[in-house]
Amino acid sequence: MTARSKTALHIVLDTNALFTEAADRLLATEISEFVLKSFDNDLNVRWYIPSVVTGERRFQMVERANRLLPQLEKVERLLGHNLGITEEVLAARVDDVIKRHIETHKLNEVGFHESSVDWQEMVRRSISRMPPFDEGENEKGFRDAIVLETFCQLASDLPKSLQVCRIILLSNDERLVEAARERMADRNNVTFANDLDAVKTILNALASAITQEAVNKLLPRADELFFKSEEKKTLYYSAEIGAKIRSQHSQELSQVPPGFSSVKTKATYISSPPTFLVKEGQKLTFSTRITFRMEATRYVQRPPVINPVFSGLPGGGGISTGVLDSGALSRFMSTGISHPSTGISHPTSVAGVSNFVAGPTGISPPQYDEIKRDGEIIFEAIWEATLTSSGKLTRPKLIKIEHKATNWKET
């Protein structure tokens, strides 16, 4: 990606764009890699993280870290040694991670000026459930309102010229984006991206000296050229992309997460519209993501259960062995089982006895719980098409398929 413009790009990150369940990362892996890579080209990019977003991520990271404590306590009991890891220690380490990641990614942490906020208007929007506040009985959205104020104040301090400066809010929160659009309606250099792919398209369009408006018109055509359900002429079918993924990336698709015994594919879908990558002459290169929804399974044995009927055996001793001699069996058959609270004896049939007499211990057969874990494996198809003089995209061609990420939900 080679820039042909010195336009400054200011990108503001919302919490949902950064979220990862890892306790040791401020940013999700993919966005972390993209931020670091963005400094290796000629584009003039600056990344911002509102202070309230940093605080929200800290809360999420500390909460995730604290989930590890019960496991550490088990390790301490096993070792017979106190490792000295407490909630306070984990919180301090999370703070260190956040500081290091902000420095490594050259993030500009920005706050907002309380005196510049129209608090009366914010209260009115909250009461009326207007964006960025959520609709519904319970009022939600105060943190989003602070992100909105931070973004709008930052934008007001930056140049308004489209040729000099472009400002992007990366957020998939529809209510927040709706409110930001309303506030920034008079600015033509402010735009919004709901995911990282949308940011990539904006940056790549700028680097390729093609207008964002032209790219926006081309993306729906590229989408239809790549995939239409049951349209065998589209690239997904004609290039047999699904089969190629299964063949070339069988290792990724069959890899079982730690502690699980099997994995299967539940569904396959195109997870996002095409991302514009680069324009070289009349050749336009795109990427399209294909996501495999996965399910992993393991079986956990339940603790053994002593058949409670043995507690009422005449003569006792049945619990330890589960074996009845003929005399004990006939006495048991004649007297039945006494209810523990009433003492009333209930006659017992041979069929009722056979379940535990056959076993040597009186312990029921092993029982297992089925534990499932959802995940996704993301692949990216890199492909190109030719832009005709009439503005059509033709002759799609697959270039390569890449494995982008494997994500398993926490159990």
Protein backbone atom coordinates (compact mmCIF):
# COMPACT_ATOMS: atom_id res chain seq x y z
CA MET A 1 0.00 0.00 0.00
CA THR A 2 1.69 3.19 -1.21
CA ALA A 3 0.08 6.49 -0.34
CA ARG A 4 -0.30 9.20 -2.93
CA SER A 5 -1.78 11.66 -0.49
CA LYS A 6 -0.60 13.23 2.72
CA THR A 7 -4.13 13.46 4.04
CA ALA A 8 -4.06 12.78 7.76
CA LEU A 9 -6.27 9.94 8.94
CA HIS A 10 -7.57 10.09 12.51
CA ILE A 11 -9.18 6.82 13.65
CA VAL A 12 -11.07 6.61 16.96
CA LEU A 13 -11.60 3.16 18.49
CA ASP A 14 -14.75 2.14 20.35
CA THR A 15 -14.75 -0.69 22.93
CA ASN A 16 -16.58 -3.19 20.72
CA ALA A 17 -13.88 -2.83 18.06
CA LEU A 18 -11.20 -3.91 20.54
CA PHE A 19 -12.91 -6.61 22.56
CA THR A 20 -11.09 -9.86 23.13
CA GLU A 21 -11.68 -12.33 25.94
CA ALA A 22 -7.94 -12.54 26.60
CA ALA A 23 -6.88 -10.98 29.89
CA ASP A 24 -3.43 -10.08 28.57
CA ARG A 25 -4.38 -8.02 25.50
CA LEU A 26 -5.85 -4.55 25.23
CA LEU A 27 -6.60 -5.05 21.53
CA ALA A 28 -7.88 -8.06 19.64
CA THR A 29 -5.07 -9.74 17.67
CA GLU A 30 -6.25 -8.71 14.20
CA ILE A 31 -6.69 -5.03 14.96
CA SER A 32 -3.40 -5.04 16.86
CA GLU A 33 -1.59 -6.36 13.78
CA PHE A 34 -3.32 -3.86 11.51
CA VAL A 35 -2.49 -0.88 13.73
CA LEU A 36 1.18 -1.87 13.83
CA LYS A 37 1.24 -2.47 10.07
CA SER A 38 -0.34 0.93 9.36
CA PHE A 39 2.88 2.64 10.48
CA ASP A 40 4.93 0.79 7.84
CA ASN A 41 3.49 2.69 4.87
CA ASP A 42 3.30 6.29 3.78
CA LEU A 43 -0.18 6.91 5.10
CA ASN A 44 -0.37 9.53 7.81
CA VAL A 45 -2.47 7.60 10.36
CA ARG A 46 -3.13 8.46 13.98
CA TRP A 47 -5.03 6.11 16.27
CA TYR A 48 -7.09 7.27 19.25
CA ILE A 49 -8.64 5.49 22.21
CA PRO A 50 -11.07 7.41 24.45
CA SER A 51 -10.23 7.20 28.16
CA VAL A 52 -13.65 5.69 28.89
CA VAL A 53 -12.87 2.91 26.37
CA THR A 54 -9.57 2.21 28.13
CA GLY A 55 -11.46 2.03 31.42
CA GLU A 56 -14.07 -0.35 30.00
CA ARG A 57 -11.40 -2.63 28.55
CA ARG A 58 -9.58 -2.60 31.89
CA PHE A 59 -12.76 -3.76 33.62
CA GLN A 60 -13.20 -6.57 31.07
CA MET A 61 -9.57 -7.67 31.34
CA VAL A 62 -9.55 -7.68 35.16
CA GLU A 63 -12.81 -9.63 35.23
CA ARG A 64 -11.37 -12.21 32.85
CA ALA A 65 -8.14 -12.45 34.87
CA ASN A 66 -10.05 -13.01 38.10
CA ARG A 67 -11.73 -16.05 36.56
CA LEU A 68 -8.32 -17.72 36.65
CA LEU A 69 -7.99 -17.45 40.44
CA PRO A 70 -9.94 -20.63 41.34
CA GLN A 71 -7.60 -22.64 39.12
CA LEU A 72 -4.57 -21.03 40.77
CA GLU A 73 -5.95 -21.95 44.17
CA LYS A 74 -6.10 -25.59 43.07
CA VAL A 75 -2.47 -25.38 41.94
CA GLU A 76 -1.49 -23.88 45.30
CA ARG A 77 -3.16 -26.75 47.14
CA LEU A 78 -1.37 -29.23 44.91
CA LEU A 79 2.01 -27.58 45.48
CA GLY A 80 1.39 -26.89 49.15
CA HIS A 81 2.68 -23.39 48.50
CA ASN A 82 1.01 -19.97 48.32
CA LEU A 83 1.93 -18.28 45.03
CA GLY A 84 0.86 -14.88 46.33
CA ILE A 85 -1.38 -14.09 43.33
CA THR A 86 -4.35 -12.00 44.41
CA GLU A 87 -6.98 -9.85 42.72
CA GLU A 88 -4.83 -6.80 43.48
CA VAL A 89 -1.78 -8.38 41.84
CA LEU A 90 -3.77 -9.29 38.72
CA ALA A 91 -5.24 -5.78 38.47
CA ALA A 92 -1.74 -4.29 38.66
CA ARG A 93 -0.52 -6.61 35.89
CA VAL A 94 -3.50 -5.65 33.72
CA ASP A 95 -2.56 -1.99 34.19
CA ASP A 96 0.97 -2.81 33.05
CA VAL A 97 -0.37 -4.57 29.94
CA ILE A 98 -2.61 -1.63 29.04
CA LYS A 99 0.23 0.87 29.43
CA ARG A 100 2.58 -1.27 27.33
CA HIS A 101 0.03 -1.80 24.57
CA ILE A 102 -0.84 1.88 24.36
CA GLU A 103 2.84 2.68 23.92
CA THR A 104 3.52 -0.16 21.45
CA HIS A 105 0.56 0.76 19.23
CA LYS A 106 1.18 4.50 19.54
CA LEU A 107 -2.39 5.05 20.70
CA ASN A 108 -3.41 8.56 21.66
CA GLU A 109 -5.57 8.30 24.77
CA VAL A 110 -8.08 11.15 24.76
CA GLY A 111 -10.56 12.39 27.31
CA PHE A 112 -13.31 14.99 27.07
CA HIS A 113 -13.95 18.40 28.58
CA GLU A 114 -16.83 18.20 31.03
CA SER A 115 -17.51 21.91 30.72
CA SER A 116 -18.16 21.52 26.98
CA VAL A 117 -20.86 18.87 27.41
CA ASP A 118 -24.51 19.86 27.16
CA TRP A 119 -25.56 17.83 30.19
CA GLN A 120 -29.19 18.93 29.97
CA GLU A 121 -29.36 17.59 26.40
CA MET A 122 -27.70 14.34 27.50
CA VAL A 123 -30.29 13.92 30.28
CA ARG A 124 -33.11 14.61 27.81
CA ARG A 125 -31.79 11.98 25.41
CA SER A 126 -31.37 9.50 28.23
CA ILE A 127 -34.94 9.96 29.46
CA SER A 128 -36.34 9.81 25.92
CA ARG A 129 -34.14 6.81 24.97
CA MET A 130 -32.68 8.74 22.05
CA PRO A 131 -29.33 7.70 20.50
CA PRO A 132 -26.77 6.90 21.77
CA PHE A 133 -28.98 5.59 24.62
CA ASP A 134 -30.60 2.22 24.05
CA GLU A 135 -34.30 1.81 23.49
CA GLY A 136 -36.26 -0.18 26.03
CA GLU A 137 -37.47 -0.09 29.59
CA ASN A 138 -34.01 0.14 31.15
CA GLU A 139 -31.81 3.10 30.28
CA LYS A 140 -28.43 2.05 28.88
CA GLY A 141 -25.79 4.00 27.06
CA PHE A 142 -24.00 6.38 29.41
CA ARG A 143 -20.55 5.09 28.42
CA ASP A 144 -21.55 5.42 24.77
CA ALA A 145 -22.61 9.00 25.47
CA ILE A 146 -19.14 9.72 26.84
CA VAL A 147 -17.51 8.11 23.78
CA LEU A 148 -19.74 10.31 21.62
CA GLU A 149 -18.68 13.47 23.47
CA THR A 150 -15.02 12.47 23.24
CA PHE A 151 -15.27 11.80 19.50
CA CYS A 152 -17.18 14.99 18.71
CA GLN A 153 -14.83 17.17 20.76
CA LEU A 154 -11.81 15.61 19.05
CA ALA A 155 -13.38 16.12 15.61
CA SER A 156 -14.14 19.77 16.39
CA ASP A 157 -10.46 20.35 17.17
CA LEU A 158 -9.28 18.83 13.87
CA PRO A 159 -9.28 20.48 10.39
CA LYS A 160 -12.54 20.41 8.44
CA SER A 161 -10.98 20.10 4.99
CA LEU A 162 -11.46 16.71 3.31
CA GLN A 163 -8.14 17.10 1.51
CA VAL A 164 -6.26 17.72 4.74
CA CYS A 165 -7.96 15.48 7.28
CA ARG A 166 -10.29 12.50 7.50
CA ILE A 167 -11.80 11.32 10.76
CA ILE A 168 -13.13 7.79 11.27
CA LEU A 169 -15.09 6.32 14.17
CA LEU A 170 -14.64 2.54 14.32
CA SER A 171 -17.72 1.18 16.10
CA ASN A 172 -20.45 -1.35 15.40
CA ASP A 173 -22.82 0.23 17.90
CA GLU A 174 -25.67 1.45 15.71
CA ARG A 175 -27.11 3.82 18.30
CA LEU A 176 -23.76 5.48 18.92
CA VAL A 177 -23.06 5.84 15.20
CA GLU A 178 -26.55 7.26 14.60
CA ALA A 179 -26.00 9.92 17.26
CA ALA A 180 -22.52 10.72 15.90
CA ARG A 181 -23.87 11.11 12.35
CA GLU A 182 -26.44 13.56 13.64
CA ARG A 183 -23.83 15.60 15.50
CA MET A 184 -21.38 15.55 12.57
CA ALA A 185 -23.94 16.12 9.79
CA ASP A 186 -22.21 19.33 8.66
CA ARG A 187 -18.78 17.65 8.32
CA ASN A 188 -17.91 15.92 5.03
CA ASN A 189 -14.59 14.61 6.34
CA VAL A 190 -16.11 12.47 9.12
CA THR A 191 -17.04 8.89 8.34
CA PHE A 192 -17.94 5.72 10.20
CA ALA A 193 -16.79 2.11 9.96
CA ASN A 194 -18.56 -0.80 11.63
CA ASP A 195 -15.60 -3.18 11.42
CA LEU A 196 -11.92 -3.34 10.60
CA ASP A 197 -12.57 -4.38 7.00
CA ALA A 198 -14.44 -1.13 6.41
CA VAL A 199 -11.43 0.81 7.76
CA LYS A 200 -9.15 -1.15 5.43
CA THR A 201 -11.34 -0.22 2.46
CA ILE A 202 -11.19 3.46 3.35
CA LEU A 203 -7.42 3.45 3.79
CA ASN A 204 -6.78 1.37 0.66
CA ALA A 205 -9.00 3.62 -1.44
CA LEU A 206 -7.02 6.64 -0.30
CA ALA A 207 -3.73 4.89 -1.02
CA SER A 208 -4.91 3.79 -4.48
CA ALA A 209 -5.98 7.32 -5.46
CA ILE A 210 -9.58 6.21 -5.99
CA THR A 211 -12.40 8.11 -4.39
CA GLN A 212 -14.34 6.60 -1.53
CA GLU A 213 -17.55 7.28 -3.46
CA ALA A 214 -16.28 5.17 -6.39
CA VAL A 215 -15.32 2.34 -4.06
CA ASN A 216 -18.71 2.46 -2.35
CA LYS A 217 -20.39 1.97 -5.73
CA LEU A 218 -18.09 -0.91 -6.67
CA LEU A 219 -18.41 -2.94 -3.46
CA PRO A 220 -22.03 -4.12 -4.04
CA ARG A 221 -21.06 -5.22 -7.56
CA ALA A 222 -18.04 -7.05 -6.17
CA ASP A 223 -20.25 -8.72 -3.59
CA GLU A 224 -22.58 -10.09 -6.27
CA LEU A 225 -19.65 -11.13 -8.45
CA PHE A 226 -18.14 -13.17 -5.63
CA PHE A 227 -21.22 -14.95 -4.26
CA LYS A 228 -24.90 -15.39 -4.95
CA SER A 229 -26.71 -18.34 -3.49
CA GLU A 230 -26.97 -21.14 -6.05
CA GLU A 231 -25.52 -18.88 -8.78
CA LYS A 232 -22.85 -21.22 -10.13
CA LYS A 233 -21.21 -18.48 -12.21
CA THR A 234 -20.19 -16.50 -9.14
CA LEU A 235 -16.59 -16.90 -8.07
CA TYR A 236 -17.33 -18.82 -4.87
CA TYR A 237 -18.83 -21.67 -6.87
CA SER A 238 -16.82 -21.48 -10.08
CA ALA A 239 -13.49 -21.49 -8.20
CA GLU A 240 -14.77 -24.12 -5.74
CA ILE A 241 -13.61 -21.98 -2.84
CA GLY A 242 -15.41 -24.01 -0.18
CA ALA A 243 -13.77 -27.22 -1.36
CA LYS A 244 -10.36 -25.52 -1.60
CA ILE A 245 -10.62 -24.32 2.01
CA ARG A 246 -11.44 -27.82 3.22
CA SER A 247 -8.58 -29.28 1.19
CA GLN A 248 -5.87 -26.67 1.80
CA HIS A 249 -6.76 -25.93 5.42
CA SER A 250 -7.87 -29.30 6.74
CA GLN A 251 -5.46 -28.97 9.65
CA GLU A 252 -7.07 -25.77 10.89
CA LEU A 253 -10.58 -27.20 10.45
CA SER A 254 -9.78 -30.39 12.35
CA GLN A 255 -7.80 -28.84 15.19
CA VAL A 256 -9.52 -29.51 18.51
CA PRO A 257 -9.31 -26.88 21.29
CA PRO A 258 -7.44 -28.00 24.44
CA GLY A 259 -9.45 -30.31 26.66
CA PHE A 260 -11.95 -31.33 23.96
CA SER A 261 -12.16 -34.60 22.08
CA SER A 262 -13.86 -33.79 18.78
CA VAL A 263 -14.83 -30.92 16.51
CA LYS A 264 -17.29 -30.44 13.68
CA THR A 265 -18.42 -27.73 11.26
CA LYS A 266 -21.94 -26.48 11.95
CA ALA A 267 -22.27 -23.92 9.15
CA THR A 268 -20.33 -21.95 6.54
CA TYR A 269 -21.18 -18.42 5.52
CA ILE A 270 -19.81 -15.26 3.90
CA SER A 271 -19.21 -13.18 6.99
CA SER A 272 -18.72 -9.72 5.50
CA PRO A 273 -18.95 -7.75 2.26
CA PRO A 274 -15.77 -7.56 0.14
CA THR A 275 -12.93 -5.38 1.33
CA PHE A 276 -11.21 -3.28 -1.32
CA LEU A 277 -7.44 -3.79 -1.22
CA VAL A 278 -5.75 -2.11 -4.17
CA LYS A 279 -6.20 -0.82 -7.72
CA GLU A 280 -3.48 -1.39 -10.31
CA GLY A 281 -4.52 -0.14 -13.73
CA GLN A 282 -7.92 -1.72 -14.38
CA LYS A 283 -7.31 -4.59 -11.97
CA LEU A 284 -9.02 -4.26 -8.61
CA THR A 285 -8.14 -6.61 -5.78
CA PHE A 286 -10.60 -7.53 -3.05
CA SER A 287 -10.76 -9.83 -0.06
CA THR A 288 -13.85 -11.67 1.15
CA ARG A 289 -14.16 -13.48 4.46
CA ILE A 290 -15.60 -16.96 4.79
CA THR A 291 -16.40 -18.11 8.31
CA PHE A 292 -16.81 -21.70 9.45
CA ARG A 293 -18.97 -21.99 12.57
CA MET A 294 -17.52 -24.79 14.68
CA GLU A 295 -18.60 -26.89 17.63
CA ALA A 296 -16.21 -28.79 19.89
CA THR A 297 -17.36 -31.55 22.22
CA ARG A 298 -15.98 -33.29 25.30
CA TYR A 299 -17.44 -35.65 27.86
CA VAL A 300 -17.01 -35.22 31.60
CA GLN A 301 -17.73 -38.14 33.94
CA ARG A 302 -20.06 -37.36 36.77
CA PRO A 303 -19.01 -38.32 40.32
CA PRO A 304 -19.97 -41.95 41.08
CA VAL A 305 -23.31 -42.35 42.84
CA ILE A 306 -23.90 -45.00 45.53
CA ASN A 307 -27.28 -46.63 44.98
CA PRO A 308 -29.30 -45.31 47.95
CA VAL A 309 -31.15 -48.60 48.29
CA PHE A 310 -28.06 -50.12 49.97
CA SER A 311 -28.50 -47.91 53.02
CA GLY A 312 -31.59 -49.94 53.94
CA LEU A 313 -30.11 -53.42 53.55
CA PRO A 314 -30.70 -55.70 56.54
CA GLY A 315 -27.51 -56.46 58.37
CA GLY A 316 -25.64 -53.55 56.84
CA GLY A 317 -22.37 -53.88 55.03
CA GLY A 318 -24.07 -53.69 51.64
CA ILE A 319 -22.60 -50.28 50.85
CA SER A 320 -19.02 -51.44 51.05
CA THR A 321 -19.42 -54.57 48.92
CA GLY A 322 -22.73 -54.40 47.14
CA VAL A 323 -22.85 -58.21 47.29
CA LEU A 324 -25.70 -60.03 49.05
CA ASP A 325 -25.54 -63.62 50.24
CA SER A 326 -28.66 -65.75 49.77
CA GLY A 327 -29.81 -65.26 53.35
CA ALA A 328 -29.50 -61.48 53.22
CA LEU A 329 -31.26 -61.43 49.87
CA SER A 330 -34.26 -63.44 51.12
CA ARG A 331 -34.50 -61.29 54.28
CA PHE A 332 -34.33 -58.17 52.08
CA MET A 333 -37.04 -59.51 49.75
CA SER A 334 -39.35 -60.28 52.68
CA THR A 335 -38.90 -57.04 54.60
CA GLY A 336 -38.43 -54.57 51.77
CA ILE A 337 -36.92 -51.09 52.27
CA SER A 338 -37.85 -48.85 55.17
CA HIS A 339 -38.56 -45.21 54.35
CA PRO A 340 -35.94 -43.17 56.27
CA SER A 341 -38.45 -40.69 57.71
CA THR A 342 -41.54 -42.85 58.39
CA GLY A 343 -39.99 -46.26 59.03
CA ILE A 344 -42.75 -47.85 56.90
CA SER A 345 -41.49 -50.89 55.05
CA HIS A 346 -42.13 -51.17 51.29
CA PRO A 347 -41.99 -54.64 49.68
CA THR A 348 -39.43 -54.89 46.90
CA SER A 349 -39.65 -57.01 43.78
CA VAL A 350 -36.84 -59.05 42.26
CA ALA A 351 -36.81 -56.62 39.33
CA GLY A 352 -36.14 -53.77 41.71
CA VAL A 353 -33.24 -55.60 43.30
CA SER A 354 -31.55 -56.82 40.14
CA ASN A 355 -30.15 -53.39 39.27
CA PHE A 356 -27.80 -53.29 42.23
CA VAL A 357 -27.30 -57.00 42.99
CA ALA A 358 -25.70 -57.48 39.58
CA GLY A 359 -23.07 -54.84 40.30
CA PRO A 360 -20.06 -55.66 42.51
CA THR A 361 -20.01 -52.35 44.39
CA GLY A 362 -23.49 -50.86 44.41
CA ILE A 363 -22.17 -47.90 42.40
CA SER A 364 -24.25 -46.94 39.37
CA PRO A 365 -22.66 -47.23 35.90
CA PRO A 366 -20.55 -44.22 34.83
CA GLN A 367 -22.59 -41.24 33.67
CA TYR A 368 -21.20 -38.50 31.43
CA ASP A 369 -22.13 -34.88 30.77
CA GLU A 370 -21.70 -33.63 27.22
CA ILE A 371 -19.92 -30.27 27.15
CA LYS A 372 -20.00 -28.20 23.96
CA ARG A 373 -18.03 -25.13 22.96
CA ASP A 374 -18.79 -22.84 20.01
CA GLY A 375 -16.13 -21.26 17.87
CA GLU A 376 -15.36 -19.92 14.45
CA ILE A 377 -12.55 -20.31 11.93
CA ILE A 378 -12.11 -17.38 9.57
CA PHE A 379 -10.59 -17.57 6.11
CA GLU A 380 -9.97 -14.81 3.61
CA ALA A 381 -10.25 -15.24 -0.15
CA ILE A 382 -8.05 -12.77 -2.04
CA TRP A 383 -9.35 -12.20 -5.56
CA GLU A 384 -9.28 -9.74 -8.40
CA ALA A 385 -11.61 -8.41 -11.09
CA THR A 386 -11.31 -6.15 -14.10
CA LEU A 387 -12.97 -2.72 -14.10
CA THR A 388 -14.37 -1.93 -17.55
CA SER A 389 -14.72 1.53 -19.06
CA SER A 390 -18.45 1.38 -18.37
CA GLY A 391 -17.82 0.79 -14.66
CA LYS A 392 -18.60 -2.93 -14.58
CA LEU A 393 -16.55 -5.58 -12.83
CA THR A 394 -15.77 -8.64 -14.93
CA ARG A 395 -13.53 -11.73 -15.07
CA PRO A 396 -13.17 -12.49 -11.37
CA LYS A 397 -10.16 -14.62 -10.49
CA LEU A 398 -9.15 -16.24 -7.21
CA ILE A 399 -5.60 -15.38 -6.14
CA LYS A 400 -5.23 -17.22 -2.84
CA ILE A 401 -6.95 -18.28 0.37
CA GLU A 402 -5.53 -17.41 3.79
CA HIS A 403 -6.40 -18.58 7.29
CA LYS A 404 -7.00 -15.45 9.36
CA ALA A 405 -8.10 -16.55 12.81
CA THR A 406 -9.50 -19.32 14.99
CA ASN A 407 -11.66 -18.11 17.87
CA TRP A 408 -13.23 -20.29 20.56
CA LYS A 409 -15.70 -18.86 23.03
CA GLU A 410 -14.76 -19.10 26.68
CA THR A 411 -16.48 -21.92 28.58
